[in-house]
Amino acid sequence: MNLFNVTITMDLVCAAISIPGSLLVARYDRWSYLGWLCWLVSNVAWIAWALTAAASPMWGVALQNGFFFWTSIRGYLTCRKTMKAASVSMPGPTAAAPT
């Protein structure tokens, strides 16, 4: 598919899912778990792309994203556990106490 003379391919779609995931995880607040979910979706998409791309199979990309999928599951579960333990009051910007 072409959009503004840029070919939108599966690798760009995968990257477009991964980038918001990174931004959400970096927030380290109650929305961080959505970043882990983005990464899980993008890992599956990267594996599908690696196995079906024109130069497929790209075993290195598939293996790497298989490992990333495992770490994303662990990260998601740890994030949810931490959020529940903290009653969803994750650290974030707070107002300074008056002196």
PDB file of N, CA and C in Angstrom:
ATOM      1  N   MET A   1       0.850  -1.163   0.000  1.00  0.00           N
ATOM      2  CA  MET A   1       0.000   0.000   0.000  1.00  0.00           C
ATOM      3  C   MET A   1       0.903   1.237   0.000  1.00  0.00           C
ATOM      4  N   ASN A   2       0.533   2.252  -0.755  1.00  0.00           N
ATOM      5  CA  ASN A   2       1.284   3.502  -0.789  1.00  0.00           C
ATOM      6  C   ASN A   2       0.494   4.608  -0.117  1.00  0.00           C
ATOM      7  N   LEU A   3       1.167   5.365   0.685  1.00  0.00           N
ATOM      8  CA  LEU A   3       0.564   6.503   1.361  1.00  0.00           C
ATOM      9  C   LEU A   3       1.586   7.617   1.339  1.00  0.00           C
ATOM     10  N   PHE A   4       1.323   8.658   0.606  1.00  0.00           N
ATOM     11  CA  PHE A   4       2.249   9.789   0.474  1.00  0.00           C
ATOM     12  C   PHE A   4       3.615   9.326  -0.012  1.00  0.00           C
ATOM     13  N   ASN A   5       3.628   8.462  -1.023  1.00  0.00           N
ATOM     14  CA  ASN A   5       4.850   7.940  -1.626  1.00  0.00           C
ATOM     15  C   ASN A   5       5.725   7.158  -0.654  1.00  0.00           C
ATOM     16  N   VAL A   6       5.166   6.657   0.419  1.00  0.00           N
ATOM     17  CA  VAL A   6       5.879   5.789   1.340  1.00  0.00           C
ATOM     18  C   VAL A   6       5.186   4.437   1.291  1.00  0.00           C
ATOM     19  N   THR A   7       5.947   3.432   1.026  1.00  0.00           N
ATOM     20  CA  THR A   7       5.363   2.102   0.986  1.00  0.00           C
ATOM     21  C   THR A   7       5.176   1.611   2.416  1.00  0.00           C
ATOM     22  N   ILE A   8       3.925   1.355   2.761  1.00  0.00           N
ATOM     23  CA  ILE A   8       3.625   0.865   4.097  1.00  0.00           C
ATOM     24  C   ILE A   8       3.719  -0.655   4.046  1.00  0.00           C
ATOM     25  N   THR A   9       4.731  -1.158   4.686  1.00  0.00           N
ATOM     26  CA  THR A   9       4.961  -2.588   4.710  1.00  0.00           C
ATOM     27  C   THR A   9       4.806  -3.097   6.133  1.00  0.00           C
ATOM     28  N   MET A  10       4.823  -4.400   6.263  1.00  0.00           N
ATOM     29  CA  MET A  10       4.611  -5.019   7.568  1.00  0.00           C
ATOM     30  C   MET A  10       5.660  -4.581   8.582  1.00  0.00           C
ATOM     31  N   ASP A  11       6.908  -4.379   8.137  1.00  0.00           N
ATOM     32  CA  ASP A  11       7.929  -3.962   9.093  1.00  0.00           C
ATOM     33  C   ASP A  11       7.644  -2.570   9.646  1.00  0.00           C
ATOM     34  N   LEU A  12       7.061  -1.688   8.832  1.00  0.00           N
ATOM     35  CA  LEU A  12       6.687  -0.361   9.338  1.00  0.00           C
ATOM     36  C   LEU A  12       5.507  -0.456  10.299  1.00  0.00           C
ATOM     37  N   VAL A  13       4.584  -1.355  10.024  1.00  0.00           N
ATOM     38  CA  VAL A  13       3.453  -1.561  10.931  1.00  0.00           C
ATOM     39  C   VAL A  13       3.960  -2.078  12.273  1.00  0.00           C
ATOM     40  N   CYS A  14       4.880  -3.037  12.229  1.00  0.00           N
ATOM     41  CA  CYS A  14       5.467  -3.573  13.469  1.00  0.00           C
ATOM     42  C   CYS A  14       6.155  -2.477  14.266  1.00  0.00           C
ATOM     43  N   ALA A  15       6.915  -1.642  13.581  1.00  0.00           N
ATOM     44  CA  ALA A  15       7.604  -0.541  14.256  1.00  0.00           C
ATOM     45  C   ALA A  15       6.604   0.459  14.824  1.00  0.00           C
ATOM     46  N   ALA A  16       5.519   0.702  14.088  1.00  0.00           N
ATOM     47  CA  ALA A  16       4.497   1.648  14.552  1.00  0.00           C
ATOM     48  C   ALA A  16       3.785   1.148  15.801  1.00  0.00           C
ATOM     49  N   ILE A  17       3.757  -0.151  16.013  1.00  0.00           N
ATOM     50  CA  ILE A  17       3.181  -0.712  17.237  1.00  0.00           C
ATOM     51  C   ILE A  17       4.211  -0.688  18.364  1.00  0.00           C
ATOM     52  N   SER A  18       5.469  -0.942  18.037  1.00  0.00           N
ATOM     53  CA  SER A  18       6.534  -1.005  19.045  1.00  0.00           C
ATOM     54  C   SER A  18       6.835   0.353  19.677  1.00  0.00           C
ATOM     55  N   ILE A  19       6.816   1.404  18.888  1.00  0.00           N
ATOM     56  CA  ILE A  19       7.204   2.732  19.378  1.00  0.00           C
ATOM     57  C   ILE A  19       6.264   3.242  20.466  1.00  0.00           C
ATOM     58  N   PRO A  20       4.948   3.201  20.273  1.00  0.00           N
ATOM     59  CA  PRO A  20       4.073   3.624  21.388  1.00  0.00           C
ATOM     60  C   PRO A  20       4.260   2.748  22.631  1.00  0.00           C
ATOM     61  N   GLY A  21       4.571   1.467  22.403  1.00  0.00           N
ATOM     62  CA  GLY A  21       4.841   0.591  23.535  1.00  0.00           C
ATOM     63  C   GLY A  21       6.011   1.085  24.358  1.00  0.00           C
ATOM     64  N   SER A  22       7.064   1.511  23.683  1.00  0.00           N
ATOM     65  CA  SER A  22       8.236   2.049  24.385  1.00  0.00           C
ATOM     66  C   SER A  22       7.882   3.313  25.158  1.00  0.00           C
ATOM     67  N   LEU A  23       7.103   4.170  24.538  1.00  0.00           N
ATOM     68  CA  LEU A  23       6.709   5.413  25.212  1.00  0.00           C
ATOM     69  C   LEU A  23       5.850   5.140  26.447  1.00  0.00           C
ATOM     70  N   LEU A  24       4.948   4.188  26.334  1.00  0.00           N
ATOM     71  CA  LEU A  24       4.081   3.868  27.476  1.00  0.00           C
ATOM     72  C   LEU A  24       4.846   3.216  28.618  1.00  0.00           C
ATOM     73  N   VAL A  25       5.759   2.303  28.305  1.00  0.00           N
ATOM     74  CA  VAL A  25       6.551   1.665  29.361  1.00  0.00           C
ATOM     75  C   VAL A  25       7.440   2.700  30.045  1.00  0.00           C
ATOM     76  N   ALA A  26       7.976   3.631  29.284  1.00  0.00           N
ATOM     77  CA  ALA A  26       8.858   4.657  29.850  1.00  0.00           C
ATOM     78  C   ALA A  26       8.122   5.606  30.791  1.00  0.00           C
ATOM     79  N   ARG A  27       6.818   5.702  30.667  1.00  0.00           N
ATOM     80  CA  ARG A  27       6.052   6.579  31.563  1.00  0.00           C
ATOM     81  C   ARG A  27       6.117   6.114  33.008  1.00  0.00           C
ATOM     82  N   TYR A  28       6.176   4.797  33.215  1.00  0.00           N
ATOM     83  CA  TYR A  28       6.202   4.171  34.538  1.00  0.00           C
ATOM     84  C   TYR A  28       5.071   4.701  35.418  1.00  0.00           C
ATOM     85  N   ASP A  29       3.878   4.544  34.903  1.00  0.00           N
ATOM     86  CA  ASP A  29       2.686   4.911  35.665  1.00  0.00           C
ATOM     87  C   ASP A  29       1.610   3.863  35.403  1.00  0.00           C
ATOM     88  N   ARG A  30       0.384   4.182  35.730  1.00  0.00           N
ATOM     89  CA  ARG A  30      -0.672   3.182  35.601  1.00  0.00           C
ATOM     90  C   ARG A  30      -0.966   2.781  34.168  1.00  0.00           C
ATOM     91  N   TRP A  31      -0.436   3.504  33.192  1.00  0.00           N
ATOM     92  CA  TRP A  31      -0.650   3.170  31.788  1.00  0.00           C
ATOM     93  C   TRP A  31       0.485   2.328  31.210  1.00  0.00           C
ATOM     94  N   SER A  32       1.508   2.074  31.981  1.00  0.00           N
ATOM     95  CA  SER A  32       2.663   1.327  31.482  1.00  0.00           C
ATOM     96  C   SER A  32       2.314  -0.072  30.992  1.00  0.00           C
ATOM     97  N   TYR A  33       1.341  -0.698  31.623  1.00  0.00           N
ATOM     98  CA  TYR A  33       0.991  -2.059  31.209  1.00  0.00           C
ATOM     99  C   TYR A  33       0.534  -2.101  29.758  1.00  0.00           C
ATOM    100  N   LEU A  34      -0.038  -1.003  29.252  1.00  0.00           N
ATOM    101  CA  LEU A  34      -0.452  -0.965  27.851  1.00  0.00           C
ATOM    102  C   LEU A  34       0.757  -1.036  26.916  1.00  0.00           C
ATOM    103  N   GLY A  35       1.875  -0.476  27.363  1.00  0.00           N
ATOM    104  CA  GLY A  35       3.107  -0.575  26.588  1.00  0.00           C
ATOM    105  C   GLY A  35       3.567  -2.013  26.450  1.00  0.00           C
ATOM    106  N   TRP A  36       3.464  -2.762  27.552  1.00  0.00           N
ATOM    107  CA  TRP A  36       3.833  -4.181  27.490  1.00  0.00           C
ATOM    108  C   TRP A  36       2.914  -4.926  26.530  1.00  0.00           C
ATOM    109  N   LEU A  37       1.629  -4.585  26.528  1.00  0.00           N
ATOM    110  CA  LEU A  37       0.703  -5.228  25.604  1.00  0.00           C
ATOM    111  C   LEU A  37       1.025  -4.875  24.150  1.00  0.00           C
ATOM    112  N   CYS A  38       1.404  -3.618  23.919  1.00  0.00           N
ATOM    113  CA  CYS A  38       1.833  -3.219  22.568  1.00  0.00           C
ATOM    114  C   CYS A  38       3.023  -4.052  22.130  1.00  0.00           C
ATOM    115  N   TRP A  39       3.968  -4.238  23.043  1.00  0.00           N
ATOM    116  CA  TRP A  39       5.152  -5.028  22.711  1.00  0.00           C
ATOM    117  C   TRP A  39       4.792  -6.474  22.427  1.00  0.00           C
ATOM    118  N   LEU A  40       3.849  -7.043  23.181  1.00  0.00           N
ATOM    119  CA  LEU A  40       3.432  -8.420  22.912  1.00  0.00           C
ATOM    120  C   LEU A  40       2.846  -8.540  21.504  1.00  0.00           C
ATOM    121  N   VAL A  41       1.990  -7.598  21.143  1.00  0.00           N
ATOM    122  CA  VAL A  41       1.388  -7.607  19.804  1.00  0.00           C
ATOM    123  C   VAL A  41       2.465  -7.424  18.742  1.00  0.00           C
ATOM    124  N   SER A  42       3.379  -6.483  18.974  1.00  0.00           N
ATOM    125  CA  SER A  42       4.415  -6.239  17.972  1.00  0.00           C
ATOM    126  C   SER A  42       5.372  -7.418  17.858  1.00  0.00           C
ATOM    127  N   ASN A  43       5.657  -8.108  18.958  1.00  0.00           N
ATOM    128  CA  ASN A  43       6.526  -9.292  18.884  1.00  0.00           C
ATOM    129  C   ASN A  43       5.908 -10.363  17.996  1.00  0.00           C
ATOM    130  N   VAL A  44       4.626 -10.597  18.166  1.00  0.00           N
ATOM    131  CA  VAL A  44       3.936 -11.586  17.330  1.00  0.00           C
ATOM    132  C   VAL A  44       3.950 -11.128  15.867  1.00  0.00           C
ATOM    133  N   ALA A  45       3.722  -9.837  15.645  1.00  0.00           N
ATOM    134  CA  ALA A  45       3.729  -9.304  14.275  1.00  0.00           C
ATOM    135  C   ALA A  45       5.120  -9.411  13.647  1.00  0.00           C
ATOM    136  N   TRP A  46       6.169  -9.113  14.430  1.00  0.00           N
ATOM    137  CA  TRP A  46       7.538  -9.242  13.913  1.00  0.00           C
ATOM    138  C   TRP A  46       7.851 -10.691  13.553  1.00  0.00           C
ATOM    139  N   ILE A  47       7.413 -11.631  14.382  1.00  0.00           N
ATOM    140  CA  ILE A  47       7.655 -13.047  14.091  1.00  0.00           C
ATOM    141  C   ILE A  47       6.925 -13.444  12.808  1.00  0.00           C
ATOM    142  N   ALA A  48       5.671 -13.015  12.673  1.00  0.00           N
ATOM    143  CA  ALA A  48       4.914 -13.312  11.448  1.00  0.00           C
ATOM    144  C   ALA A  48       5.603 -12.717  10.233  1.00  0.00           C
ATOM    145  N   TRP A  49       6.082 -11.483  10.368  1.00  0.00           N
ATOM    146  CA  TRP A  49       6.776 -10.834   9.251  1.00  0.00           C
ATOM    147  C   TRP A  49       8.054 -11.583   8.907  1.00  0.00           C
ATOM    148  N   ALA A  50       8.809 -11.976   9.918  1.00  0.00           N
ATOM    149  CA  ALA A  50      10.080 -12.667   9.678  1.00  0.00           C
ATOM    150  C   ALA A  50       9.876 -13.995   8.960  1.00  0.00           C
ATOM    151  N   LEU A  51       8.763 -14.640   9.217  1.00  0.00           N
ATOM    152  CA  LEU A  51       8.515 -15.943   8.609  1.00  0.00           C
ATOM    153  C   LEU A  51       7.812 -15.860   7.263  1.00  0.00           C
ATOM    154  N   THR A  52       7.272 -14.672   6.924  1.00  0.00           N
ATOM    155  CA  THR A  52       6.524 -14.549   5.664  1.00  0.00           C
ATOM    156  C   THR A  52       7.067 -13.475   4.726  1.00  0.00           C
ATOM    157  N   ALA A  53       8.104 -12.749   5.113  1.00  0.00           N
ATOM    158  CA  ALA A  53       8.652 -11.673   4.276  1.00  0.00           C
ATOM    159  C   ALA A  53       9.242 -12.248   2.991  1.00  0.00           C
ATOM    160  N   ALA A  54       9.481 -11.364   2.031  1.00  0.00           N
ATOM    161  CA  ALA A  54       9.992 -11.783   0.727  1.00  0.00           C
ATOM    162  C   ALA A  54      11.293 -12.569   0.860  1.00  0.00           C
ATOM    163  N   ALA A  55      12.135 -12.193   1.772  1.00  0.00           N
ATOM    164  CA  ALA A  55      13.420 -12.873   1.976  1.00  0.00           C
ATOM    165  C   ALA A  55      13.332 -13.895   3.104  1.00  0.00           C
ATOM    166  N   SER A  56      12.117 -14.392   3.367  1.00  0.00           N
ATOM    167  CA  SER A  56      11.910 -15.281   4.512  1.00  0.00           C
ATOM    168  C   SER A  56      12.473 -16.669   4.234  1.00  0.00           C
ATOM    169  N   PRO A  57      12.659 -17.450   5.253  1.00  0.00           N
ATOM    170  CA  PRO A  57      12.477 -17.055   6.653  1.00  0.00           C
ATOM    171  C   PRO A  57      13.710 -16.335   7.183  1.00  0.00           C
ATOM    172  N   MET A  58      13.453 -15.346   8.016  1.00  0.00           N
ATOM    173  CA  MET A  58      14.529 -14.617   8.695  1.00  0.00           C
ATOM    174  C   MET A  58      14.578 -15.144  10.119  1.00  0.00           C
ATOM    175  N   TRP A  59      15.338 -16.197  10.295  1.00  0.00           N
ATOM    176  CA  TRP A  59      15.351 -16.894  11.582  1.00  0.00           C
ATOM    177  C   TRP A  59      15.869 -16.028  12.713  1.00  0.00           C
ATOM    178  N   GLY A  60      16.825 -15.149  12.437  1.00  0.00           N
ATOM    179  CA  GLY A  60      17.358 -14.283  13.489  1.00  0.00           C
ATOM    180  C   GLY A  60      16.304 -13.345  14.051  1.00  0.00           C
ATOM    181  N   VAL A  61      15.530 -12.734  13.176  1.00  0.00           N
ATOM    182  CA  VAL A  61      14.468 -11.818  13.618  1.00  0.00           C
ATOM    183  C   VAL A  61      13.393 -12.591  14.370  1.00  0.00           C
ATOM    184  N   ALA A  62      13.047 -13.767  13.869  1.00  0.00           N
ATOM    185  CA  ALA A  62      12.025 -14.585  14.535  1.00  0.00           C
ATOM    186  C   ALA A  62      12.503 -15.022  15.914  1.00  0.00           C
ATOM    187  N   LEU A  63      13.743 -15.477  16.017  1.00  0.00           N
ATOM    188  CA  LEU A  63      14.289 -15.907  17.300  1.00  0.00           C
ATOM    189  C   LEU A  63      14.378 -14.748  18.288  1.00  0.00           C
ATOM    190  N   GLN A  64      14.873 -13.620  17.813  1.00  0.00           N
ATOM    191  CA  GLN A  64      15.000 -12.432  18.676  1.00  0.00           C
ATOM    192  C   GLN A  64      13.633 -12.017  19.215  1.00  0.00           C
ATOM    193  N   ASN A  65      12.638 -11.975  18.370  1.00  0.00           N
ATOM    194  CA  ASN A  65      11.318 -11.538  18.818  1.00  0.00           C
ATOM    195  C   ASN A  65      10.598 -12.605  19.624  1.00  0.00           C
ATOM    196  N   GLY A  66      10.958 -13.857  19.439  1.00  0.00           N
ATOM    197  CA  GLY A  66      10.459 -14.897  20.325  1.00  0.00           C
ATOM    198  C   GLY A  66      10.966 -14.674  21.743  1.00  0.00           C
ATOM    199  N   PHE A  67      12.245 -14.317  21.852  1.00  0.00           N
ATOM    200  CA  PHE A  67      12.811 -13.990  23.169  1.00  0.00           C
ATOM    201  C   PHE A  67      12.180 -12.721  23.729  1.00  0.00           C
ATOM    202  N   PHE A  68      12.013 -11.700  22.888  1.00  0.00           N
ATOM    203  CA  PHE A  68      11.367 -10.460  23.335  1.00  0.00           C
ATOM    204  C   PHE A  68       9.937 -10.727  23.797  1.00  0.00           C
ATOM    205  N   PHE A  69       9.244 -11.653  23.139  1.00  0.00           N
ATOM    206  CA  PHE A  69       7.891 -12.007  23.546  1.00  0.00           C
ATOM    207  C   PHE A  69       7.900 -12.553  24.969  1.00  0.00           C
ATOM    208  N   TRP A  70       8.845 -13.432  25.245  1.00  0.00           N
ATOM    209  CA  TRP A  70       8.975 -14.003  26.592  1.00  0.00           C
ATOM    210  C   TRP A  70       9.268 -12.903  27.618  1.00  0.00           C
ATOM    211  N   THR A  71      10.202 -11.986  27.299  1.00  0.00           N
ATOM    212  CA  THR A  71      10.515 -10.911  28.248  1.00  0.00           C
ATOM    213  C   THR A  71       9.344  -9.945  28.394  1.00  0.00           C
ATOM    214  N   SER A  72       8.562  -9.763  27.340  1.00  0.00           N
ATOM    215  CA  SER A  72       7.388  -8.883  27.419  1.00  0.00           C
ATOM    216  C   SER A  72       6.312  -9.485  28.312  1.00  0.00           C
ATOM    217  N   ILE A  73       6.151 -10.804  28.250  1.00  0.00           N
ATOM    218  CA  ILE A  73       5.196 -11.458  29.151  1.00  0.00           C
ATOM    219  C   ILE A  73       5.635 -11.262  30.595  1.00  0.00           C
ATOM    220  N   ARG A  74       6.911 -11.491  30.856  1.00  0.00           N
ATOM    221  CA  ARG A  74       7.437 -11.296  32.221  1.00  0.00           C
ATOM    222  C   ARG A  74       7.278  -9.847  32.669  1.00  0.00           C
ATOM    223  N   GLY A  75       7.579  -8.911  31.785  1.00  0.00           N
ATOM    224  CA  GLY A  75       7.446  -7.493  32.120  1.00  0.00           C
ATOM    225  C   GLY A  75       6.011  -7.107  32.399  1.00  0.00           C
ATOM    226  N   TYR A  76       5.096  -7.602  31.575  1.00  0.00           N
ATOM    227  CA  TYR A  76       3.678  -7.306  31.768  1.00  0.00           C
ATOM    228  C   TYR A  76       3.201  -7.834  33.115  1.00  0.00           C
ATOM    229  N   LEU A  77       3.525  -9.091  33.418  1.00  0.00           N
ATOM    230  CA  LEU A  77       3.087  -9.682  34.678  1.00  0.00           C
ATOM    231  C   LEU A  77       3.692  -8.966  35.880  1.00  0.00           C
ATOM    232  N   THR A  78       4.955  -8.602  35.785  1.00  0.00           N
ATOM    233  CA  THR A  78       5.611  -7.860  36.872  1.00  0.00           C
ATOM    234  C   THR A  78       4.992  -6.487  37.038  1.00  0.00           C
ATOM    235  N   CYS A  79       4.703  -5.827  35.925  1.00  0.00           N
ATOM    236  CA  CYS A  79       4.089  -4.494  35.963  1.00  0.00           C
ATOM    237  C   CYS A  79       2.728  -4.558  36.640  1.00  0.00           C
ATOM    238  N   ARG A  80       1.906  -5.522  36.235  1.00  0.00           N
ATOM    239  CA  ARG A  80       0.568  -5.641  36.830  1.00  0.00           C
ATOM    240  C   ARG A  80       0.658  -5.977  38.320  1.00  0.00           C
ATOM    241  N   LYS A  81       1.592  -6.851  38.682  1.00  0.00           N
ATOM    242  CA  LYS A  81       1.766  -7.229  40.084  1.00  0.00           C
ATOM    243  C   LYS A  81       2.193  -6.015  40.909  1.00  0.00           C
ATOM    244  N   THR A  82       3.121  -5.243  40.383  1.00  0.00           N
ATOM    245  CA  THR A  82       3.599  -4.048  41.078  1.00  0.00           C
ATOM    246  C   THR A  82       2.486  -3.029  41.227  1.00  0.00           C
ATOM    247  N   MET A  83       1.696  -2.858  40.167  1.00  0.00           N
ATOM    248  CA  MET A  83       0.603  -1.885  40.216  1.00  0.00           C
ATOM    249  C   MET A  83      -0.450  -2.291  41.239  1.00  0.00           C
ATOM    250  N   LYS A  84      -0.766  -3.576  41.294  1.00  0.00           N
ATOM    251  CA  LYS A  84      -1.760  -4.044  42.260  1.00  0.00           C
ATOM    252  C   LYS A  84      -1.242  -3.887  43.683  1.00  0.00           C
ATOM    253  N   ALA A  85       0.046  -4.165  43.893  1.00  0.00           N
ATOM    254  CA  ALA A  85       0.626  -4.037  45.227  1.00  0.00           C
ATOM    255  C   ALA A  85       0.652  -2.583  45.678  1.00  0.00           C
ATOM    256  N   ALA A  86       0.818  -1.676  44.730  1.00  0.00           N
ATOM    257  CA  ALA A  86       0.871  -0.249  45.054  1.00  0.00           C
ATOM    258  C   ALA A  86      -0.509   0.393  44.954  1.00  0.00           C
ATOM    259  N   SER A  87      -1.538  -0.402  44.730  1.00  0.00           N
ATOM    260  CA  SER A  87      -2.910   0.092  44.562  1.00  0.00           C
ATOM    261  C   SER A  87      -2.990   1.162  43.484  1.00  0.00           C
ATOM    262  N   VAL A  88      -2.284   0.954  42.417  1.00  0.00           N
ATOM    263  CA  VAL A  88      -2.266   1.811  41.239  1.00  0.00           C
ATOM    264  C   VAL A  88      -1.816   3.230  41.559  1.00  0.00           C
ATOM    265  N   SER A  89      -1.049   3.397  42.593  1.00  0.00           N
ATOM    266  CA  SER A  89      -0.499   4.722  42.880  1.00  0.00           C
ATOM    267  C   SER A  89       0.978   4.707  42.524  1.00  0.00           C
ATOM    268  N   MET A  90       1.239   4.589  41.226  1.00  0.00           N
ATOM    269  CA  MET A  90       2.608   4.526  40.740  1.00  0.00           C
ATOM    270  C   MET A  90       3.245   5.904  40.829  1.00  0.00           C
ATOM    271  N   PRO A  91       4.574   5.942  40.947  1.00  0.00           N
ATOM    272  CA  PRO A  91       5.247   7.235  41.014  1.00  0.00           C
ATOM    273  C   PRO A  91       5.033   8.046  39.750  1.00  0.00           C
ATOM    274  N   GLY A  92       4.951   9.309  39.921  1.00  0.00           N
ATOM    275  CA  GLY A  92       4.779  10.199  38.793  1.00  0.00           C
ATOM    276  C   GLY A  92       5.051  11.617  39.263  1.00  0.00           C
ATOM    277  N   PRO A  93       4.848  12.585  38.423  1.00  0.00           N
ATOM    278  CA  PRO A  93       5.081  13.967  38.840  1.00  0.00           C
ATOM    279  C   PRO A  93       4.141  14.341  39.962  1.00  0.00           C
ATOM    280  N   THR A  94       4.694  14.936  40.979  1.00  0.00           N
ATOM    281  CA  THR A  94       3.892  15.377  42.104  1.00  0.00           C
ATOM    282  C   THR A  94       4.233  16.823  42.415  1.00  0.00           C
ATOM    283  N   ALA A  95       3.309  17.484  43.047  1.00  0.00           N
ATOM    284  CA  ALA A  95       3.540  18.876  43.428  1.00  0.00           C
ATOM    285  C   ALA A  95       4.467  18.915  44.640  1.00  0.00           C
ATOM    286  N   ALA A  96       5.308  19.865  44.680  1.00  0.00           N
ATOM    287  CA  ALA A  96       6.236  20.013  45.796  1.00  0.00           C
ATOM    288  C   ALA A  96       5.461  20.472  47.027  1.00  0.00           C
ATOM    289  N   ALA A  97       5.866  19.956  48.150  1.00  0.00           N
ATOM    290  CA  ALA A  97       5.229  20.350  49.405  1.00  0.00           C
ATOM    291  C   ALA A  97       5.635  21.771  49.754  1.00  0.00           C
ATOM    292  N   PRO A  98       4.700  22.561  50.297  1.00  0.00           N
ATOM    293  CA  PRO A  98       5.050  23.936  50.648  1.00  0.00           C
ATOM    294  C   PRO A  98       6.083  23.938  51.795  1.00  0.00           C
ATOM    295  N   THR A  99       6.972  24.891  51.737  1.00  0.00           N
ATOM    296  CA  THR A  99       8.002  24.977  52.777  1.00  0.00           C
ATOM    297  C   THR A  99       7.720  26.065  53.761  1.00  0.00           C
TER     298      THR A  99
END
